[in-house]
PDB file of N, CA and C in Angstrom:
ATOM      1  N   MET A   1      -3.709  32.320 -22.686  1.00  0.00           N
ATOM      2  CA  MET A   1      -2.907  31.872 -21.546  1.00  0.00           C
ATOM      3  C   MET A   1      -1.482  32.391 -21.698  1.00  0.00           C
ATOM      4  N   ASP A   2      -1.020  33.021 -20.667  1.00  0.00           N
ATOM      5  CA  ASP A   2       0.372  33.462 -20.729  1.00  0.00           C
ATOM      6  C   ASP A   2       1.268  32.434 -20.041  1.00  0.00           C
ATOM      7  N   ILE A   3       2.542  32.738 -20.002  1.00  0.00           N
ATOM      8  CA  ILE A   3       3.531  31.779 -19.489  1.00  0.00           C
ATOM      9  C   ILE A   3       3.310  31.468 -18.011  1.00  0.00           C
ATOM     10  N   ASN A   4       2.861  32.470 -17.231  1.00  0.00           N
ATOM     11  CA  ASN A   4       2.626  32.240 -15.801  1.00  0.00           C
ATOM     12  C   ASN A   4       1.466  31.273 -15.573  1.00  0.00           C
ATOM     13  N   ASP A   5       0.428  31.399 -16.388  1.00  0.00           N
ATOM     14  CA  ASP A   5      -0.696  30.466 -16.281  1.00  0.00           C
ATOM     15  C   ASP A   5      -0.258  29.048 -16.622  1.00  0.00           C
ATOM     16  N   LEU A   6       0.589  28.926 -17.620  1.00  0.00           N
ATOM     17  CA  LEU A   6       1.102  27.609 -17.998  1.00  0.00           C
ATOM     18  C   LEU A   6       1.951  27.008 -16.880  1.00  0.00           C
ATOM     19  N   LYS A   7       2.776  27.846 -16.261  1.00  0.00           N
ATOM     20  CA  LYS A   7       3.615  27.374 -15.154  1.00  0.00           C
ATOM     21  C   LYS A   7       2.757  26.931 -13.976  1.00  0.00           C
ATOM     22  N   LEU A   8       1.725  27.712 -13.654  1.00  0.00           N
ATOM     23  CA  LEU A   8       0.831  27.345 -12.552  1.00  0.00           C
ATOM     24  C   LEU A   8       0.087  26.044 -12.848  1.00  0.00           C
ATOM     25  N   ALA A   9      -0.375  25.888 -14.069  1.00  0.00           N
ATOM     26  CA  ALA A   9      -1.081  24.662 -14.447  1.00  0.00           C
ATOM     27  C   ALA A   9      -0.152  23.457 -14.344  1.00  0.00           C
ATOM     28  N   GLU A  10       1.089  23.628 -14.789  1.00  0.00           N
ATOM     29  CA  GLU A  10       2.066  22.533 -14.723  1.00  0.00           C
ATOM     30  C   GLU A  10       2.397  22.189 -13.273  1.00  0.00           C
ATOM     31  N   LEU A  11       2.543  23.208 -12.431  1.00  0.00           N
ATOM     32  CA  LEU A  11       2.833  22.994 -11.014  1.00  0.00           C
ATOM     33  C   LEU A  11       1.680  22.263 -10.324  1.00  0.00           C
ATOM     34  N   GLU A  12       0.454  22.651 -10.635  1.00  0.00           N
ATOM     35  CA  GLU A  12      -0.710  21.971 -10.064  1.00  0.00           C
ATOM     36  C   GLU A  12      -0.746  20.509 -10.493  1.00  0.00           C
ATOM     37  N   GLN A  13      -0.409  20.248 -11.742  1.00  0.00           N
ATOM     38  CA  GLN A  13      -0.384  18.870 -12.247  1.00  0.00           C
ATOM     39  C   GLN A  13       0.679  18.053 -11.527  1.00  0.00           C
ATOM     40  N   CYS A  14       1.848  18.654 -11.301  1.00  0.00           N
ATOM     41  CA  CYS A  14       2.925  17.956 -10.586  1.00  0.00           C
ATOM     42  C   CYS A  14       2.505  17.621  -9.162  1.00  0.00           C
ATOM     43  N   ARG A  15       1.857  18.569  -8.500  1.00  0.00           N
ATOM     44  CA  ARG A  15       1.396  18.328  -7.125  1.00  0.00           C
ATOM     45  C   ARG A  15       0.361  17.209  -7.090  1.00  0.00           C
ATOM     46  N   GLU A  16      -0.541  17.227  -8.063  1.00  0.00           N
ATOM     47  CA  GLU A  16      -1.561  16.179  -8.131  1.00  0.00           C
ATOM     48  C   GLU A  16      -0.917  14.816  -8.374  1.00  0.00           C
ATOM     49  N   ASP A  17       0.072  14.767  -9.263  1.00  0.00           N
ATOM     50  CA  ASP A  17       0.782  13.515  -9.537  1.00  0.00           C
ATOM     51  C   ASP A  17       1.504  13.014  -8.293  1.00  0.00           C
ATOM     52  N   GLU A  18       2.101  13.938  -7.527  1.00  0.00           N
ATOM     53  CA  GLU A  18       2.815  13.545  -6.313  1.00  0.00           C
ATOM     54  C   GLU A  18       1.849  12.980  -5.272  1.00  0.00           C
ATOM     55  N   ARG A  19       0.704  13.633  -5.103  1.00  0.00           N
ATOM     56  CA  ARG A  19      -0.299  13.122  -4.155  1.00  0.00           C
ATOM     57  C   ARG A  19      -0.795  11.749  -4.587  1.00  0.00           C
ATOM     58  N   SER A  20      -1.000  11.580  -5.873  1.00  0.00           N
ATOM     59  CA  SER A  20      -1.456  10.293  -6.396  1.00  0.00           C
ATOM     60  C   SER A  20      -0.405   9.214  -6.155  1.00  0.00           C
ATOM     61  N   GLY A  21       0.853   9.559  -6.373  1.00  0.00           N
ATOM     62  CA  GLY A  21       1.944   8.607  -6.138  1.00  0.00           C
ATOM     63  C   GLY A  21       2.047   8.208  -4.683  1.00  0.00           C
ATOM     64  N   GLN A  22       1.893   9.184  -3.788  1.00  0.00           N
ATOM     65  CA  GLN A  22       1.941   8.886  -2.356  1.00  0.00           C
ATOM     66  C   GLN A  22       0.773   7.994  -1.959  1.00  0.00           C
ATOM     67  N   SER A  23      -0.384   8.271  -2.515  1.00  0.00           N
ATOM     68  CA  SER A  23      -1.564   7.456  -2.223  1.00  0.00           C
ATOM     69  C   SER A  23      -1.365   6.021  -2.697  1.00  0.00           C
ATOM     70  N   GLN A  24      -0.775   5.849  -3.863  1.00  0.00           N
ATOM     71  CA  GLN A  24      -0.519   4.505  -4.380  1.00  0.00           C
ATOM     72  C   GLN A  24       0.487   3.763  -3.512  1.00  0.00           C
ATOM     73  N   MET A  25       1.507   4.472  -3.014  1.00  0.00           N
ATOM     74  CA  MET A  25       2.487   3.829  -2.132  1.00  0.00           C
ATOM     75  C   MET A  25       1.820   3.342  -0.850  1.00  0.00           C
ATOM     76  N   ILE A  26       0.937   4.155  -0.291  1.00  0.00           N
ATOM     77  CA  ILE A  26       0.230   3.763   0.926  1.00  0.00           C
ATOM     78  C   ILE A  26      -0.638   2.539   0.658  1.00  0.00           C
ATOM     79  N   GLU A  27      -1.309   2.510  -0.488  1.00  0.00           N
ATOM     80  CA  GLU A  27      -2.145   1.361  -0.837  1.00  0.00           C
ATOM     81  C   GLU A  27      -1.311   0.092  -0.985  1.00  0.00           C
ATOM     82  N   VAL A  28      -0.153   0.194  -1.618  1.00  0.00           N
ATOM     83  CA  VAL A  28       0.718  -0.972  -1.808  1.00  0.00           C
ATOM     84  C   VAL A  28       1.233  -1.471  -0.464  1.00  0.00           C
ATOM     85  N   ILE A  29       1.652  -0.560   0.408  1.00  0.00           N
ATOM     86  CA  ILE A  29       2.148  -0.951   1.729  1.00  0.00           C
ATOM     87  C   ILE A  29       1.036  -1.605   2.539  1.00  0.00           C
ATOM     88  N   SER A  30      -0.170  -1.052   2.470  1.00  0.00           N
ATOM     89  CA  SER A  30      -1.303  -1.643   3.190  1.00  0.00           C
ATOM     90  C   SER A  30      -1.630  -3.038   2.668  1.00  0.00           C
ATOM     91  N   ALA A  31      -1.631  -3.193   1.361  1.00  0.00           N
ATOM     92  CA  ALA A  31      -1.916  -4.507   0.772  1.00  0.00           C
ATOM     93  C   ALA A  31      -0.846  -5.515   1.167  1.00  0.00           C
ATOM     94  N   ALA A  32       0.415  -5.099   1.135  1.00  0.00           N
ATOM     95  CA  ALA A  32       1.501  -6.007   1.518  1.00  0.00           C
ATOM     96  C   ALA A  32       1.379  -6.404   2.986  1.00  0.00           C
ATOM     97  N   GLY A  33       1.043  -5.456   3.845  1.00  0.00           N
ATOM     98  CA  GLY A  33       0.851  -5.764   5.262  1.00  0.00           C
ATOM     99  C   GLY A  33      -0.285  -6.744   5.474  1.00  0.00           C
ATOM    100  N   THR A  34      -1.365  -6.561   4.746  1.00  0.00           N
ATOM    101  CA  THR A  34      -2.507  -7.472   4.854  1.00  0.00           C
ATOM    102  C   THR A  34      -2.123  -8.875   4.408  1.00  0.00           C
ATOM    103  N   ILE A  35      -1.430  -8.970   3.291  1.00  0.00           N
ATOM    104  CA  ILE A  35      -1.010 -10.280   2.779  1.00  0.00           C
ATOM    105  C   ILE A  35      -0.078 -10.970   3.769  1.00  0.00           C
ATOM    106  N   LEU A  36       0.887 -10.227   4.310  1.00  0.00           N
ATOM    107  CA  LEU A  36       1.808 -10.819   5.286  1.00  0.00           C
ATOM    108  C   LEU A  36       1.073 -11.262   6.549  1.00  0.00           C
ATOM    109  N   SER A  37       0.090 -10.481   6.985  1.00  0.00           N
ATOM    110  CA  SER A  37      -0.693 -10.855   8.166  1.00  0.00           C
ATOM    111  C   SER A  37      -1.472 -12.141   7.926  1.00  0.00           C
ATOM    112  N   VAL A  38      -2.057 -12.269   6.750  1.00  0.00           N
ATOM    113  CA  VAL A  38      -2.809 -13.485   6.423  1.00  0.00           C
ATOM    114  C   VAL A  38      -1.870 -14.689   6.388  1.00  0.00           C
ATOM    115  N   ILE A  39      -0.713 -14.531   5.761  1.00  0.00           N
ATOM    116  CA  ILE A  39       0.251 -15.636   5.697  1.00  0.00           C
ATOM    117  C   ILE A  39       0.708 -16.027   7.099  1.00  0.00           C
ATOM    118  N   LEU A  40       1.007 -15.038   7.932  1.00  0.00           N
ATOM    119  CA  LEU A  40       1.425 -15.320   9.306  1.00  0.00           C
ATOM    120  C   LEU A  40       0.312 -16.017  10.083  1.00  0.00           C
ATOM    121  N   GLY A  41      -0.917 -15.533   9.925  1.00  0.00           N
ATOM    122  CA  GLY A  41      -2.045 -16.148  10.615  1.00  0.00           C
ATOM    123  C   GLY A  41      -2.257 -17.589  10.202  1.00  0.00           C
ATOM    124  N   ILE A  42      -2.173 -17.860   8.915  1.00  0.00           N
ATOM    125  CA  ILE A  42      -2.324 -19.240   8.430  1.00  0.00           C
ATOM    126  C   ILE A  42      -1.210 -20.117   8.974  1.00  0.00           C
ATOM    127  N   SER A  43       0.005 -19.592   8.978  1.00  0.00           N
ATOM    128  CA  SER A  43       1.148 -20.353   9.479  1.00  0.00           C
ATOM    129  C   SER A  43       0.970 -20.694  10.955  1.00  0.00           C
ATOM    130  N   ILE A  44       0.569 -19.718  11.749  1.00  0.00           N
ATOM    131  CA  ILE A  44       0.368 -19.956  13.186  1.00  0.00           C
ATOM    132  C   ILE A  44      -0.769 -20.949  13.394  1.00  0.00           C
ATOM    133  N   PHE A  45      -1.863 -20.789  12.645  1.00  0.00           N
ATOM    134  CA  PHE A  45      -3.005 -21.683  12.794  1.00  0.00           C
ATOM    135  C   PHE A  45      -2.621 -23.123  12.449  1.00  0.00           C
ATOM    136  N   ARG A  46      -1.863 -23.303  11.387  1.00  0.00           N
ATOM    137  CA  ARG A  46      -1.443 -24.657  10.997  1.00  0.00           C
ATOM    138  C   ARG A  46      -0.528 -25.265  12.055  1.00  0.00           C
ATOM    139  N   ASN A  47       0.386 -24.471  12.596  1.00  0.00           N
ATOM    140  CA  ASN A  47       1.281 -24.978  13.635  1.00  0.00           C
ATOM    141  C   ASN A  47       0.498 -25.352  14.888  1.00  0.00           C
ATOM    142  N   GLN A  48      -0.491 -24.556  15.254  1.00  0.00           N
ATOM    143  CA  GLN A  48      -1.319 -24.855  16.426  1.00  0.00           C
ATOM    144  C   GLN A  48      -2.092 -26.152  16.198  1.00  0.00           C
ATOM    145  N   SER A  49      -2.673 -26.297  15.019  1.00  0.00           N
ATOM    146  CA  SER A  49      -3.431 -27.508  14.705  1.00  0.00           C
ATOM    147  C   SER A  49      -2.521 -28.725  14.718  1.00  0.00           C
ATOM    148  N   PHE A  50      -1.322 -28.593  14.183  1.00  0.00           N
ATOM    149  CA  PHE A  50      -0.367 -29.693  14.148  1.00  0.00           C
ATOM    150  C   PHE A  50       0.042 -30.078  15.564  1.00  0.00           C
ATOM    151  N   LEU A  51       0.272 -29.093  16.421  1.00  0.00           N
ATOM    152  CA  LEU A  51       0.668 -29.376  17.802  1.00  0.00           C
ATOM    153  C   LEU A  51      -0.465 -30.047  18.566  1.00  0.00           C
ATOM    154  N   ASN A  52      -1.703 -29.641  18.314  1.00  0.00           N
ATOM    155  CA  ASN A  52      -2.848 -30.241  18.995  1.00  0.00           C
ATOM    156  C   ASN A  52      -3.060 -31.688  18.557  1.00  0.00           C
ATOM    157  N   LEU A  53      -2.759 -32.005  17.307  1.00  0.00           N
ATOM    158  CA  LEU A  53      -2.918 -33.372  16.830  1.00  0.00           C
ATOM    159  C   LEU A  53      -1.884 -34.307  17.457  1.00  0.00           C
ATOM    160  N   ASN A  54      -0.703 -33.804  17.728  1.00  0.00           N
ATOM    161  CA  ASN A  54       0.364 -34.622  18.298  1.00  0.00           C
ATOM    162  C   ASN A  54       0.226 -34.794  19.807  1.00  0.00           C
ATOM    163  N   SER A  55      -0.625 -34.039  20.453  1.00  0.00           N
ATOM    164  CA  SER A  55      -0.766 -34.130  21.914  1.00  0.00           C
ATOM    165  C   SER A  55      -1.592 -35.310  22.340  1.00  0.00           C
TER     166      SER A  55
END
């Protein structure tokens, strides 16, 4: 392996790491959105149930 092959291998590894990092960020954002949606849904459902009991 000469120096150019080493540089290409390192560049490919960096690109793969960047794609992996971007994929992980998307997964974290999706999970956070799901959690917030569930919390919001539970909150709305509890408020609706509470309002119906007081009517």
